[in-house]
Every structure is written in structure tokens, then in C-alpha cells.
Amino acid sequence: MNSNPILSTYRSRMLYTGIWVTLSCGQMLIVSLVTGLPFEYVFADTVIFHLLFACCIIPLWYPVRFNGWEHQTWRFNLAAHFALACAYLIICLTIGYLVAASIALSDEAYLSFLNASIWWKIIEGLIYYIIAILMYYLHVYVEQLNEKATNEIRLNRLLKDGELNLLKSQINPHFLFNSLNSVNSLIVTDRQRAQQMLVALSDYLRYAVLSTNRVYSRLEDEMENITRYLSIEKLRFGDKLVYEADIDPACLPVKIPAMLLQPLFENAVKHGVYESLQTVRITVKICHTARGLHIELSNDCDREQTSLKKGAETGIRNVRERLRLLYGNAADLHIKTTAGKFTVTLIIEYDDEYGNGTHNNC
């Protein structure tokens, strides 16, 4: 942002040169037609003064950029620009006059034109100064806007990452406490089952901890960890919990948000198996549709249940919020409760990895 916009790139240098060449050609044509002076004098006069104007405009960038005028009063800024404009005009016109006069010492016609055109050259130089200063200020303003937008994007990304990490951290605690309590009970009644649960719990927690360092995981890895989770719950509930999975192998490499499905399965166990005296069947079906990855999770529930309970609402809200942060409108989550069945349907749209849904196998 601190580099001179005229000199910063080859394209800007060429554009700046082209503008001055165009202005010089136009002025030479007008002066030649109006004054009738020999072309070589018109050419020399135009090139000398325009070259000086063009060169002296370049260093004007630095007082605009680094003087901190945005923190000064308008009176100070006006006085500073007046002094800077006077210095700019004095330098350009003095050097230009001396060089131009030395070229045509014996030509009274050109010297007369040179003296008569001083006021025009003052006005011309002042116009160039004003345009240059305004363009410099515009450049600074645009860069500040871009920098502000970049900082806002960076801040939003940091906030999003922090929010995602917070949401993921909300997934684990209650399951861990329940599992440890179960292990504590099994150590007395069935040490072999307690050992199996500890091994499964260790693998599950290792995956959960590693997931805090990544946003996405392969569906295959996520489902393997879900299987570990359900194996722990199976050790607790025995035949009361039945799990069935219908997963298209083509979906396994697809990446989904890490630990996204965990709260959905926790809800299925907590509000299905925990509160039922009968066998509860948890089923999951994952396939491709025209819209994207289609995940449907259902579990048996109380036939009188018609709305989400508080714990289930928290888990669903967690998943919805993560989907919103990561996908925006490119993901949907729907809930359907019928007599004896609770179903959550999750759809995540693809980018182009699967040909916009050409793999339709649901």
C-alpha cells in the first residue's frame, strides 16, 4: 500500500506515460494552429514543460500518503496543499523557463510566446496538480477500503473458526461422563465388558481430539467413529440397541464437517434408547442424489412424541449452525416426526466433484 501507484507496476507506468504523450500531442497541435510557431519550438516547449509536470507529480504521492493529513484540520490541509502547489509550480516553471529560453535565445517570436504563456502554464500546472492530488487521495481511499474489507474477512474467518471450534467442543462432554460412569459400574459386574468399553472409548476420544484440528473429514472416517460410539452404547444397552447402515461405497471418500453426525446419533440414542423399554432400531442411509450427499438417520421413539425435546433441540441446533457457517444455503437439514419414528434428513450440495449430482443412487 505504501508504494507509489504510478511506479508500482509496469502497466501503471505505461498508462501514465501514455496519458502524458496524448496530452502533449494534443497541446502541440493546438499551439501550432493558434500561434503559427515553427513546429520544433512548439515541440520543445511542450515536451519540456510536460516532462517537468509529469516528473514532479510523481513525488507528490509521498506527502499525500505519509503526512497524516486525515488527522489534521481542513485549514491545515488547505494551507499545506497551497504551499505544496506553489513549490510544485515554482520548480516546474522556473526550470522549464530557463531550459526553454536557452533553446531559443535568438528567436524573439518564441521568447515572446514563452513570456505570454506563463500564466497559461501556471493554470495548466495547477490543474495537473489538483487532478494528481485527487487521484492520489482516491487511490489511498480505495486501498484503505480494500484493506478494511480484507481485515473484516480475516476477522470473520477467525470468528467463524472460533465458533466452529466452540460448537465442536460442545459435542463430547456428556457422552464421556456417561461412558465413564458405565465403565465404573461394569468394573464391578463385568470386567471384560468394561475393558472393551475402555478400548472403544479410547479410540473414540482419540479421533474426537484429532478432529478439533481439522474442519473436514472423510465420511468413511466419520462413520467408523460413529460405529465406535455405537459399540460403546451397545455394551451398555445390549440387544435393546440395534444399528443398521446402508451406505453407498461411492460416498465414503466425500468430505463432511468433522464430528458433524455425532450429535445426531447421540440424540438417537439418548432420546430413543435411553427412554424406551423396547428394542430401538437406529438406521442410517447415505447416498448421492441430484442435489448432493443425502444422509437420512432415523430411530424408533415414543409414539406419543410429536416435538423435539430440549436435549435434541440443542444437538440439532449445533448441527444447523455448523452447516450455516460452512455451507450457507448449500446445505439443508430437515426433521420429521411420525408415530414411533424420528427422522433427520441432511443434504449437502456438491461443488463439482460428483458431476453436479449425476451419481443418483438413492
Protein backbone atom coordinates (compact mmCIF):
# COMPACT_ATOMS: atom_id res chain seq x y z
CA MET A 1 0.00 0.00 0.00
CA ASN A 2 2.96 2.37 0.59
CA SER A 3 4.38 2.11 -2.95
CA ASN A 4 3.74 4.87 -5.48
CA PRO A 5 0.75 3.81 -7.62
CA ILE A 6 2.36 5.30 -10.74
CA LEU A 7 5.60 3.34 -10.34
CA SER A 8 4.27 0.19 -8.68
CA THR A 9 3.60 -1.83 -11.85
CA TYR A 10 4.73 -1.86 -15.46
CA ARG A 11 1.13 -1.38 -16.57
CA SER A 12 0.67 1.77 -14.44
CA ARG A 13 3.93 3.23 -15.73
CA MET A 14 2.91 2.64 -19.33
CA LEU A 15 -0.54 4.09 -18.69
CA TYR A 16 0.94 7.20 -17.08
CA THR A 17 3.34 7.68 -19.98
CA GLY A 18 0.54 7.19 -22.49
CA ILE A 19 -1.60 9.85 -20.81
CA TRP A 20 1.17 12.44 -20.98
CA VAL A 21 2.04 11.57 -24.58
CA THR A 22 -1.61 12.06 -25.52
CA LEU A 23 -1.81 15.39 -23.68
CA SER A 24 1.42 16.57 -25.30
CA CYS A 25 0.28 15.66 -28.81
CA GLY A 26 -3.00 17.47 -28.31
CA GLN A 27 -1.32 20.59 -26.95
CA MET A 28 1.27 20.67 -29.75
CA LEU A 29 -1.49 20.52 -32.33
CA ILE A 30 -3.47 23.34 -30.69
CA VAL A 31 -0.45 25.63 -30.13
CA SER A 32 0.80 25.11 -33.69
CA LEU A 33 -2.57 26.06 -35.14
CA VAL A 34 -3.08 29.08 -32.85
CA THR A 35 0.42 30.64 -32.80
CA GLY A 36 1.92 29.61 -36.12
CA LEU A 37 5.30 28.99 -34.45
CA PRO A 38 7.75 26.57 -36.06
CA PHE A 39 6.96 23.01 -35.03
CA GLU A 40 10.37 22.43 -33.47
CA TYR A 41 9.77 25.25 -30.96
CA VAL A 42 6.27 24.04 -30.19
CA PHE A 43 7.57 20.50 -29.75
CA ALA A 44 10.41 21.62 -27.45
CA ASP A 45 8.14 23.86 -25.36
CA THR A 46 5.52 21.16 -24.86
CA VAL A 47 7.99 18.38 -24.10
CA ILE A 48 9.99 20.47 -21.62
CA PHE A 49 7.07 21.67 -19.53
CA HIS A 50 5.02 18.46 -19.73
CA LEU A 51 8.07 16.40 -18.82
CA LEU A 52 8.64 18.58 -15.76
CA PHE A 53 4.97 18.49 -14.77
CA ALA A 54 4.87 14.71 -15.18
CA CYS A 55 8.08 14.08 -13.21
CA CYS A 56 7.18 16.44 -10.37
CA ILE A 57 3.74 14.83 -9.94
CA ILE A 58 5.32 11.50 -9.01
CA PRO A 59 6.86 12.61 -5.66
CA LEU A 60 3.59 14.31 -4.65
CA TRP A 61 2.40 10.83 -3.68
CA TYR A 62 4.58 10.72 -0.58
CA PRO A 63 3.21 13.77 1.26
CA VAL A 64 -0.31 12.60 0.41
CA ARG A 65 0.34 9.08 1.69
CA PHE A 66 2.54 9.72 4.72
CA ASN A 67 1.72 13.18 6.03
CA GLY A 68 -1.26 12.00 8.08
CA TRP A 69 -3.49 14.79 6.80
CA GLU A 70 -6.57 12.81 7.70
CA HIS A 71 -5.78 13.65 11.35
CA GLN A 72 -5.35 17.40 10.69
CA THR A 73 -7.89 20.21 10.40
CA TRP A 74 -9.14 21.29 6.98
CA ARG A 75 -7.43 24.65 7.39
CA PHE A 76 -4.07 22.97 7.93
CA ASN A 77 -4.62 20.70 4.94
CA LEU A 78 -5.63 23.64 2.73
CA ALA A 79 -2.56 25.63 3.75
CA ALA A 80 -0.29 22.60 3.25
CA HIS A 81 -1.67 21.97 -0.23
CA PHE A 82 -1.33 25.63 -1.13
CA ALA A 83 2.34 25.60 -0.11
CA LEU A 84 2.94 22.29 -1.90
CA ALA A 85 1.23 23.56 -5.07
CA CYS A 86 3.34 26.74 -5.02
CA ALA A 87 6.54 24.71 -4.65
CA TYR A 88 5.41 22.38 -7.46
CA LEU A 89 4.67 25.30 -9.84
CA ILE A 90 7.82 27.26 -8.96
CA ILE A 91 10.09 24.28 -9.57
CA CYS A 92 8.42 23.25 -12.83
CA LEU A 93 8.06 26.75 -14.32
CA THR A 94 11.48 28.04 -13.27
CA ILE A 95 13.38 25.08 -14.65
CA GLY A 96 11.14 24.92 -17.71
CA TYR A 97 11.52 28.63 -18.46
CA LEU A 98 15.31 28.55 -18.17
CA VAL A 99 15.63 25.46 -20.36
CA ALA A 100 13.15 26.69 -22.99
CA ALA A 101 14.70 30.18 -23.13
CA SER A 102 18.16 28.73 -23.58
CA ILE A 103 16.97 26.78 -26.62
CA ALA A 104 15.67 29.87 -28.49
CA LEU A 105 17.84 32.78 -27.37
CA SER A 106 17.79 34.44 -30.81
CA ASP A 107 14.13 33.79 -31.63
CA GLU A 108 12.14 36.77 -30.45
CA ALA A 109 8.83 35.23 -31.57
CA TYR A 110 9.25 32.19 -29.34
CA LEU A 111 10.55 34.24 -26.38
CA SER A 112 7.51 36.49 -26.71
CA PHE A 113 5.24 33.43 -26.76
CA LEU A 114 7.07 31.94 -23.79
CA ASN A 115 6.61 35.09 -21.72
CA ALA A 116 2.97 35.48 -22.74
CA SER A 117 2.14 31.84 -21.96
CA ILE A 118 3.47 31.84 -18.40
CA TRP A 119 0.02 32.49 -16.92
CA TRP A 120 -1.45 29.71 -19.02
CA LYS A 121 1.33 27.38 -17.85
CA ILE A 122 0.59 28.31 -14.22
CA ILE A 123 -3.09 27.44 -14.71
CA GLU A 124 -2.16 24.28 -16.60
CA GLY A 125 0.26 23.16 -13.89
CA LEU A 126 -2.29 23.92 -11.18
CA ILE A 127 -4.90 21.81 -12.98
CA TYR A 128 -2.43 18.92 -13.23
CA TYR A 129 -1.61 19.31 -9.55
CA ILE A 130 -5.26 19.22 -8.48
CA ILE A 131 -6.03 16.19 -10.67
CA ALA A 132 -2.94 14.35 -9.40
CA ILE A 133 -3.72 15.05 -5.74
CA LEU A 134 -7.33 13.96 -6.16
CA MET A 135 -6.25 10.75 -7.90
CA TYR A 136 -3.74 10.04 -5.13
CA TYR A 137 -6.38 10.58 -2.47
CA LEU A 138 -8.77 8.34 -4.36
CA HIS A 139 -6.10 5.65 -4.56
CA VAL A 140 -5.45 5.87 -0.81
CA TYR A 141 -9.18 5.72 -0.09
CA VAL A 142 -9.69 2.65 -2.29
CA GLU A 143 -6.73 0.86 -0.75
CA GLN A 144 -7.97 1.64 2.73
CA LEU A 145 -11.38 0.25 1.81
CA ASN A 146 -9.74 -2.89 0.40
CA GLU A 147 -7.59 -3.26 3.49
CA LYS A 148 -10.63 -2.81 5.70
CA ALA A 149 -12.57 -5.41 3.70
CA THR A 150 -9.61 -7.82 3.90
CA ASN A 151 -9.34 -7.30 7.65
CA GLU A 152 -13.07 -7.88 8.05
CA ILE A 153 -12.85 -11.09 6.05
CA ARG A 154 -9.90 -12.22 8.16
CA LEU A 155 -11.75 -11.31 11.35
CA ASN A 156 -14.90 -13.10 10.22
CA ARG A 157 -12.82 -16.16 9.38
CA LEU A 158 -11.23 -16.11 12.81
CA LEU A 159 -14.63 -15.67 14.43
CA LYS A 160 -16.05 -18.48 12.32
CA ASP A 161 -13.15 -20.78 13.23
CA GLY A 162 -13.61 -19.91 16.88
CA GLU A 163 -17.34 -20.51 16.66
CA LEU A 164 -16.83 -23.83 14.87
CA ASN A 165 -14.33 -24.96 17.47
CA LEU A 166 -16.75 -23.96 20.21
CA LEU A 167 -19.55 -25.91 18.55
CA LYS A 168 -17.35 -28.98 18.18
CA SER A 169 -16.26 -28.73 21.79
CA GLN A 170 -19.92 -28.92 22.84
CA ILE A 171 -20.29 -32.38 21.33
CA ASN A 172 -18.18 -34.53 23.63
CA PRO A 173 -18.66 -33.95 27.41
CA HIS A 174 -21.97 -35.58 28.33
CA PHE A 175 -21.18 -38.79 26.41
CA LEU A 176 -17.78 -39.01 28.12
CA PHE A 177 -19.31 -38.65 31.60
CA ASN A 178 -21.99 -41.25 30.89
CA SER A 179 -19.44 -43.70 29.47
CA LEU A 180 -17.09 -43.34 32.43
CA ASN A 181 -19.97 -43.94 34.82
CA SER A 182 -20.87 -47.08 32.87
CA VAL A 183 -17.26 -48.30 32.96
CA ASN A 184 -17.23 -47.71 36.70
CA SER A 185 -20.30 -49.90 37.09
CA LEU A 186 -19.03 -52.62 34.74
CA ILE A 187 -15.68 -52.92 36.55
CA VAL A 188 -17.57 -54.49 39.43
CA THR A 189 -20.05 -56.61 37.45
CA ASP A 190 -18.27 -57.46 34.15
CA ARG A 191 -14.59 -56.58 33.85
CA GLN A 192 -14.29 -57.91 30.28
CA ARG A 193 -17.04 -55.63 29.01
CA ALA A 194 -15.51 -52.76 30.98
CA GLN A 195 -12.19 -53.39 29.25
CA GLN A 196 -13.87 -53.48 25.81
CA MET A 197 -15.65 -50.24 26.56
CA LEU A 198 -12.43 -48.53 27.66
CA VAL A 199 -10.64 -49.58 24.46
CA ALA A 200 -13.52 -48.35 22.28
CA LEU A 201 -13.79 -45.16 24.33
CA SER A 202 -10.05 -44.52 23.97
CA ASP A 203 -10.22 -44.89 20.16
CA TYR A 204 -13.30 -42.71 20.00
CA LEU A 205 -11.78 -39.93 22.10
CA ARG A 206 -8.52 -40.05 20.13
CA TYR A 207 -10.46 -39.42 16.93
CA ALA A 208 -12.54 -36.68 18.58
CA VAL A 209 -9.43 -34.87 19.85
CA LEU A 210 -7.73 -35.06 16.44
CA SER A 211 -10.91 -33.72 14.85
CA THR A 212 -10.57 -30.43 16.71
CA ASN A 213 -7.59 -29.63 14.45
CA ARG A 214 -9.45 -30.08 11.18
CA VAL A 215 -12.65 -28.77 9.70
CA TYR A 216 -13.48 -31.66 7.36
CA SER A 217 -13.09 -35.44 7.49
CA ARG A 218 -13.89 -38.24 5.08
CA LEU A 219 -17.32 -39.74 5.52
CA GLU A 220 -15.69 -43.15 5.87
CA ASP A 221 -13.65 -41.99 8.88
CA GLU A 222 -16.67 -40.30 10.42
CA MET A 223 -18.78 -43.44 10.13
CA GLU A 224 -16.02 -45.59 11.60
CA ASN A 225 -16.00 -43.34 14.65
CA ILE A 226 -19.80 -43.45 14.80
CA THR A 227 -19.50 -47.23 14.85
CA ARG A 228 -17.09 -46.97 17.80
CA TYR A 229 -19.57 -44.72 19.58
CA LEU A 230 -22.45 -47.11 19.00
CA SER A 231 -20.33 -50.08 20.06
CA ILE A 232 -19.83 -48.37 23.42
CA GLU A 233 -23.56 -47.76 23.74
CA LYS A 234 -24.20 -51.35 22.62
CA LEU A 235 -22.08 -52.61 25.51
CA ARG A 236 -24.31 -50.61 27.84
CA PHE A 237 -27.70 -51.45 26.37
CA GLY A 238 -27.13 -54.85 24.78
CA ASP A 239 -29.94 -56.10 22.49
CA LYS A 240 -32.01 -53.04 23.30
CA LEU A 241 -29.98 -51.15 20.66
CA VAL A 242 -29.98 -52.29 17.02
CA TYR A 243 -27.97 -50.39 14.40
CA GLU A 244 -28.35 -50.76 10.63
CA ALA A 245 -26.40 -48.85 7.98
CA ASP A 246 -26.99 -48.62 4.23
CA ILE A 247 -24.09 -46.56 2.84
CA ASP A 248 -23.21 -46.33 -0.82
CA PRO A 249 -19.43 -47.04 -1.11
CA ALA A 250 -19.10 -44.17 -3.60
CA CYS A 251 -19.99 -41.74 -0.79
CA LEU A 252 -17.22 -42.84 1.55
CA PRO A 253 -14.48 -40.54 0.13
CA VAL A 254 -16.73 -37.47 0.38
CA LYS A 255 -15.56 -34.96 2.98
CA ILE A 256 -18.04 -33.64 5.50
CA PRO A 257 -17.55 -31.42 8.58
CA ALA A 258 -15.67 -33.30 11.28
CA MET A 259 -17.91 -34.72 14.02
CA LEU A 260 -21.00 -33.33 12.27
CA LEU A 261 -23.06 -36.50 12.59
CA GLN A 262 -22.08 -37.26 16.17
CA PRO A 263 -24.81 -35.16 17.90
CA LEU A 264 -27.45 -36.68 15.60
CA PHE A 265 -26.52 -40.21 16.67
CA GLU A 266 -26.27 -39.08 20.28
CA ASN A 267 -29.83 -37.77 20.04
CA ALA A 268 -30.97 -41.05 18.54
CA VAL A 269 -29.52 -42.97 21.48
CA LYS A 270 -30.40 -40.52 24.22
CA HIS A 271 -34.00 -39.83 23.18
CA GLY A 272 -34.63 -43.23 21.68
CA VAL A 273 -32.78 -45.97 23.51
CA TYR A 274 -32.49 -44.28 26.91
CA GLU A 275 -36.21 -43.62 27.20
CA SER A 276 -37.57 -46.82 25.71
CA LEU A 277 -38.31 -50.16 27.29
CA GLN A 278 -38.42 -51.86 23.88
CA THR A 279 -35.77 -52.58 21.29
CA VAL A 280 -34.83 -49.40 19.43
CA ARG A 281 -33.62 -49.58 15.84
CA ILE A 282 -31.28 -46.84 14.59
CA THR A 283 -30.88 -46.80 10.82
CA VAL A 284 -28.79 -44.61 8.55
CA LYS A 285 -28.91 -44.38 4.77
CA ILE A 286 -26.29 -42.40 2.84
CA CYS A 287 -26.29 -41.98 -0.93
CA HIS A 288 -25.96 -39.49 -3.78
CA THR A 289 -28.89 -37.55 -5.16
CA ALA A 290 -29.27 -34.86 -7.79
CA ARG A 291 -28.74 -32.25 -5.06
CA GLY A 292 -25.70 -33.80 -3.38
CA LEU A 293 -24.89 -36.06 -0.45
CA HIS A 294 -28.08 -37.39 1.13
CA ILE A 295 -27.96 -38.61 4.75
CA GLU A 296 -31.07 -39.96 6.43
CA LEU A 297 -30.92 -41.01 10.07
CA SER A 298 -33.95 -42.44 11.86
CA ASN A 299 -34.67 -44.09 15.17
CA ASP A 300 -37.63 -45.57 16.96
CA CYS A 301 -39.13 -43.29 19.56
CA ASP A 302 -42.12 -42.84 21.82
CA ARG A 303 -45.24 -42.99 19.67
CA GLU A 304 -46.67 -40.04 21.59
CA GLN A 305 -43.66 -37.84 20.84
CA THR A 306 -44.55 -35.09 18.39
CA SER A 307 -41.86 -32.50 19.07
CA LEU A 308 -38.17 -32.25 19.86
CA LYS A 309 -37.09 -32.44 23.46
CA LYS A 310 -34.71 -29.88 24.87
CA GLY A 311 -31.55 -32.00 24.55
CA ALA A 312 -32.38 -32.97 20.98
CA GLU A 313 -33.02 -29.33 20.11
CA THR A 314 -29.51 -28.44 21.30
CA GLY A 315 -27.89 -31.12 19.14
CA ILE A 316 -29.93 -30.21 16.07
CA ARG A 317 -29.20 -26.52 16.58
CA ASN A 318 -25.50 -27.33 16.84
CA VAL A 319 -25.55 -29.14 13.51
CA ARG A 320 -27.63 -26.45 11.82
CA GLU A 321 -25.23 -23.73 12.96
CA ARG A 322 -22.16 -25.57 11.69
CA LEU A 323 -23.85 -26.17 8.34
CA ARG A 324 -24.73 -22.48 8.10
CA LEU A 325 -21.17 -21.40 8.86
CA LEU A 326 -19.58 -23.82 6.41
CA TYR A 327 -22.09 -24.07 3.57
CA GLY A 328 -24.54 -21.20 3.82
CA ASN A 329 -27.56 -22.11 1.70
CA ALA A 330 -25.82 -25.12 0.13
CA ALA A 331 -26.92 -27.48 2.92
CA ASP A 332 -30.32 -28.39 4.38
CA LEU A 333 -31.41 -30.24 7.49
CA HIS A 334 -34.98 -31.46 7.83
CA ILE A 335 -36.72 -33.19 10.74
CA LYS A 336 -39.76 -35.39 10.50
CA THR A 337 -41.55 -36.98 13.43
CA THR A 338 -44.18 -39.60 12.78
CA ALA A 339 -45.84 -42.12 15.04
CA GLY A 340 -42.98 -44.12 16.52
CA LYS A 341 -40.27 -42.79 14.17
CA PHE A 342 -37.94 -39.78 14.37
CA THR A 343 -36.07 -38.95 11.14
CA VAL A 344 -33.37 -36.39 10.37
CA THR A 345 -32.52 -35.76 6.72
CA LEU A 346 -29.32 -33.94 5.84
CA ILE A 347 -28.41 -32.80 2.31
CA ILE A 348 -25.03 -31.28 1.46
CA GLU A 349 -24.67 -29.96 -2.06
CA TYR A 350 -21.54 -30.80 -4.03
CA ASP A 351 -19.32 -28.30 -5.80
CA ASP A 352 -18.44 -30.23 -8.95
CA GLU A 353 -16.69 -33.24 -7.54
CA TYR A 354 -19.50 -35.62 -8.47
CA GLY A 355 -20.63 -34.02 -11.69
CA ASN A 356 -23.43 -31.94 -10.14
CA GLY A 357 -25.27 -34.94 -8.81
CA THR A 358 -25.04 -37.27 -11.79
CA HIS A 359 -24.42 -40.13 -9.35
CA ASN A 360 -28.03 -40.50 -8.31
CA ASN A 361 -28.40 -43.79 -6.46
CA CYS A 362 -30.94 -43.07 -3.71
